[in-house]
């Protein structure tokens, strides 16, 4: 059952109530009995398994094989396939 946070406008107390979503906007009375309360905007933190961070993107893309990323990845000599392709194409012209 969802929990909702409230603040009492009379005494400033904050409190939490568990209630069905159908009753989320129903009035709430603070624990000290004051009826003038306001529902607070709650924040939700969603994490992966056991709070682990999401894995970093692999840098793929470029279709099913990651061709675009591979073209810009440095080769053993420090140049990328895209750079080599541009040089070869320029020589042919």
C-alpha atoms as a PDB file:
ATOM      1  CA  UNK A   1       0.000   0.000   0.000  1.00  0.00           C
ATOM      2  CA  UNK A   2       1.439   3.429  -0.896  1.00  0.00           C
ATOM      3  CA  UNK A   3       2.656   5.761   1.829  1.00  0.00           C
ATOM      4  CA  UNK A   4       1.964   9.490   1.648  1.00  0.00           C
ATOM      5  CA  UNK A   5       3.751  12.278   3.521  1.00  0.00           C
ATOM      6  CA  UNK A   6       1.803  15.138   5.072  1.00  0.00           C
ATOM      7  CA  UNK A   7       2.643  18.328   6.977  1.00  0.00           C
ATOM      8  CA  UNK A   8       0.406  19.960   9.544  1.00  0.00           C
ATOM      9  CA  UNK A   9      -0.073  23.669   8.886  1.00  0.00           C
ATOM     10  CA  UNK A  10      -0.984  24.275  12.532  1.00  0.00           C
ATOM     11  CA  UNK A  11       1.935  22.679  14.366  1.00  0.00           C
ATOM     12  CA  UNK A  12       4.418  21.981  11.527  1.00  0.00           C
ATOM     13  CA  UNK A  13       4.635  18.254  12.250  1.00  0.00           C
ATOM     14  CA  UNK A  14       5.324  15.960   9.302  1.00  0.00           C
ATOM     15  CA  UNK A  15       3.834  12.490   9.256  1.00  0.00           C
ATOM     16  CA  UNK A  16       3.245   9.543   6.985  1.00  0.00           C
ATOM     17  CA  UNK A  17       0.041   7.635   6.217  1.00  0.00           C
ATOM     18  CA  UNK A  18      -0.431   4.355   4.368  1.00  0.00           C
ATOM     19  CA  UNK A  19      -3.627   4.319   2.344  1.00  0.00           C
ATOM     20  CA  UNK A  20      -4.961   3.025  -0.975  1.00  0.00           C
ATOM     21  CA  UNK A  21      -4.266   5.137  -4.066  1.00  0.00           C
ATOM     22  CA  UNK A  22      -8.018   5.727  -4.373  1.00  0.00           C
ATOM     23  CA  UNK A  23      -7.786   7.688  -1.085  1.00  0.00           C
ATOM     24  CA  UNK A  24      -4.514   9.512  -1.873  1.00  0.00           C
ATOM     25  CA  UNK A  25      -6.146  12.954  -1.908  1.00  0.00           C
ATOM     26  CA  UNK A  26      -8.457  12.445   1.079  1.00  0.00           C
ATOM     27  CA  UNK A  27      -7.931  14.900   3.959  1.00  0.00           C
ATOM     28  CA  UNK A  28      -5.578  13.765   6.729  1.00  0.00           C
ATOM     29  CA  UNK A  29      -5.549  14.697  10.401  1.00  0.00           C
ATOM     30  CA  UNK A  30      -2.134  15.141  12.028  1.00  0.00           C
ATOM     31  CA  UNK A  31      -1.175  12.950  15.033  1.00  0.00           C
ATOM     32  CA  UNK A  32      -1.872  15.923  17.362  1.00  0.00           C
ATOM     33  CA  UNK A  33      -5.439  16.131  15.972  1.00  0.00           C
ATOM     34  CA  UNK A  34      -5.126  19.223  13.751  1.00  0.00           C
ATOM     35  CA  UNK A  35      -7.201  18.958  10.564  1.00  0.00           C
ATOM     36  CA  UNK A  36      -5.292  21.600   8.525  1.00  0.00           C
ATOM     37  CA  UNK A  37      -2.730  19.450   6.677  1.00  0.00           C
ATOM     38  CA  UNK A  38      -1.158  19.406   3.238  1.00  0.00           C
ATOM     39  CA  UNK A  39       0.114  16.398   1.270  1.00  0.00           C
ATOM     40  CA  UNK A  40       3.827  16.698   0.473  1.00  0.00           C
ATOM     41  CA  UNK A  41       5.424  15.841  -2.826  1.00  0.00           C
ATOM     42  CA  UNK A  42       7.365  12.652  -2.219  1.00  0.00           C
ATOM     43  CA  UNK A  43      10.533  11.705  -4.046  1.00  0.00           C
ATOM     44  CA  UNK A  44      11.168   8.173  -5.192  1.00  0.00           C
ATOM     45  CA  UNK A  45      14.594   6.636  -5.645  1.00  0.00           C
ATOM     46  CA  UNK A  46      14.743   3.701  -8.015  1.00  0.00           C
ATOM     47  CA  UNK A  47      17.956   1.728  -8.206  1.00  0.00           C
ATOM     48  CA  UNK A  48      19.124  -1.506  -9.745  1.00  0.00           C
ATOM     49  CA  UNK A  49      19.684  -4.737  -7.876  1.00  0.00           C
ATOM     50  CA  UNK A  50      21.008  -4.138  -4.372  1.00  0.00           C
ATOM     51  CA  UNK A  51      21.473  -0.431  -5.089  1.00  0.00           C
ATOM     52  CA  UNK A  52      24.086  -1.052  -7.770  1.00  0.00           C
ATOM     53  CA  UNK A  53      24.672   1.690 -10.298  1.00  0.00           C
ATOM     54  CA  UNK A  54      23.462   1.158 -13.848  1.00  0.00           C
ATOM     55  CA  UNK A  55      26.110  -0.148 -16.220  1.00  0.00           C
ATOM     56  CA  UNK A  56      27.837   2.416 -18.411  1.00  0.00           C
ATOM     57  CA  UNK A  57      26.779   2.516 -22.056  1.00  0.00           C
ATOM     58  CA  UNK A  58      28.928   0.301 -24.250  1.00  0.00           C
ATOM     59  CA  UNK A  59      29.465   2.951 -26.920  1.00  0.00           C
ATOM     60  CA  UNK A  60      27.790   0.779 -29.545  1.00  0.00           C
ATOM     61  CA  UNK A  61      25.350   2.085 -32.067  1.00  0.00           C
ATOM     62  CA  UNK A  62      25.545   2.138 -35.822  1.00  0.00           C
ATOM     63  CA  UNK A  63      23.174  -0.718 -36.484  1.00  0.00           C
ATOM     64  CA  UNK A  64      23.342  -4.279 -35.305  1.00  0.00           C
ATOM     65  CA  UNK A  65      27.159  -4.527 -35.177  1.00  0.00           C
ATOM     66  CA  UNK A  66      28.186  -1.130 -33.820  1.00  0.00           C
ATOM     67  CA  UNK A  67      29.846  -0.189 -37.126  1.00  0.00           C
ATOM     68  CA  UNK A  68      29.640   3.564 -36.542  1.00  0.00           C
ATOM     69  CA  UNK A  69      31.396   3.290 -33.189  1.00  0.00           C
ATOM     70  CA  UNK A  70      34.027   0.920 -34.587  1.00  0.00           C
ATOM     71  CA  UNK A  71      34.823   3.363 -37.418  1.00  0.00           C
ATOM     72  CA  UNK A  72      35.719   6.076 -34.900  1.00  0.00           C
ATOM     73  CA  UNK A  73      37.629   3.826 -32.494  1.00  0.00           C
ATOM     74  CA  UNK A  74      41.418   4.269 -32.641  1.00  0.00           C
ATOM     75  CA  UNK A  75      43.400   1.531 -34.345  1.00  0.00           C
ATOM     76  CA  UNK A  76      46.748   0.239 -33.103  1.00  0.00           C
ATOM     77  CA  UNK A  77      48.601   3.119 -34.805  1.00  0.00           C
ATOM     78  CA  UNK A  78      46.428   5.786 -33.145  1.00  0.00           C
ATOM     79  CA  UNK A  79      44.308   6.591 -36.227  1.00  0.00           C
ATOM     80  CA  UNK A  80      40.664   5.657 -36.627  1.00  0.00           C
ATOM     81  CA  UNK A  81      39.182   3.675 -39.505  1.00  0.00           C
ATOM     82  CA  UNK A  82      37.215   6.784 -40.490  1.00  0.00           C
ATOM     83  CA  UNK A  83      40.458   8.811 -40.762  1.00  0.00           C
ATOM     84  CA  UNK A  84      42.104   6.139 -42.897  1.00  0.00           C
ATOM     85  CA  UNK A  85      39.043   5.947 -45.140  1.00  0.00           C
ATOM     86  CA  UNK A  86      39.078   9.738 -45.677  1.00  0.00           C
ATOM     87  CA  UNK A  87      42.799   9.702 -46.580  1.00  0.00           C
ATOM     88  CA  UNK A  88      42.421   6.816 -49.032  1.00  0.00           C
ATOM     89  CA  UNK A  89      39.377   8.412 -50.650  1.00  0.00           C
ATOM     90  CA  UNK A  90      41.212  11.754 -50.989  1.00  0.00           C
ATOM     91  CA  UNK A  91      44.156  10.055 -52.741  1.00  0.00           C
ATOM     92  CA  UNK A  92      41.861   8.415 -55.288  1.00  0.00           C
ATOM     93  CA  UNK A  93      40.410  11.725 -56.440  1.00  0.00           C
END
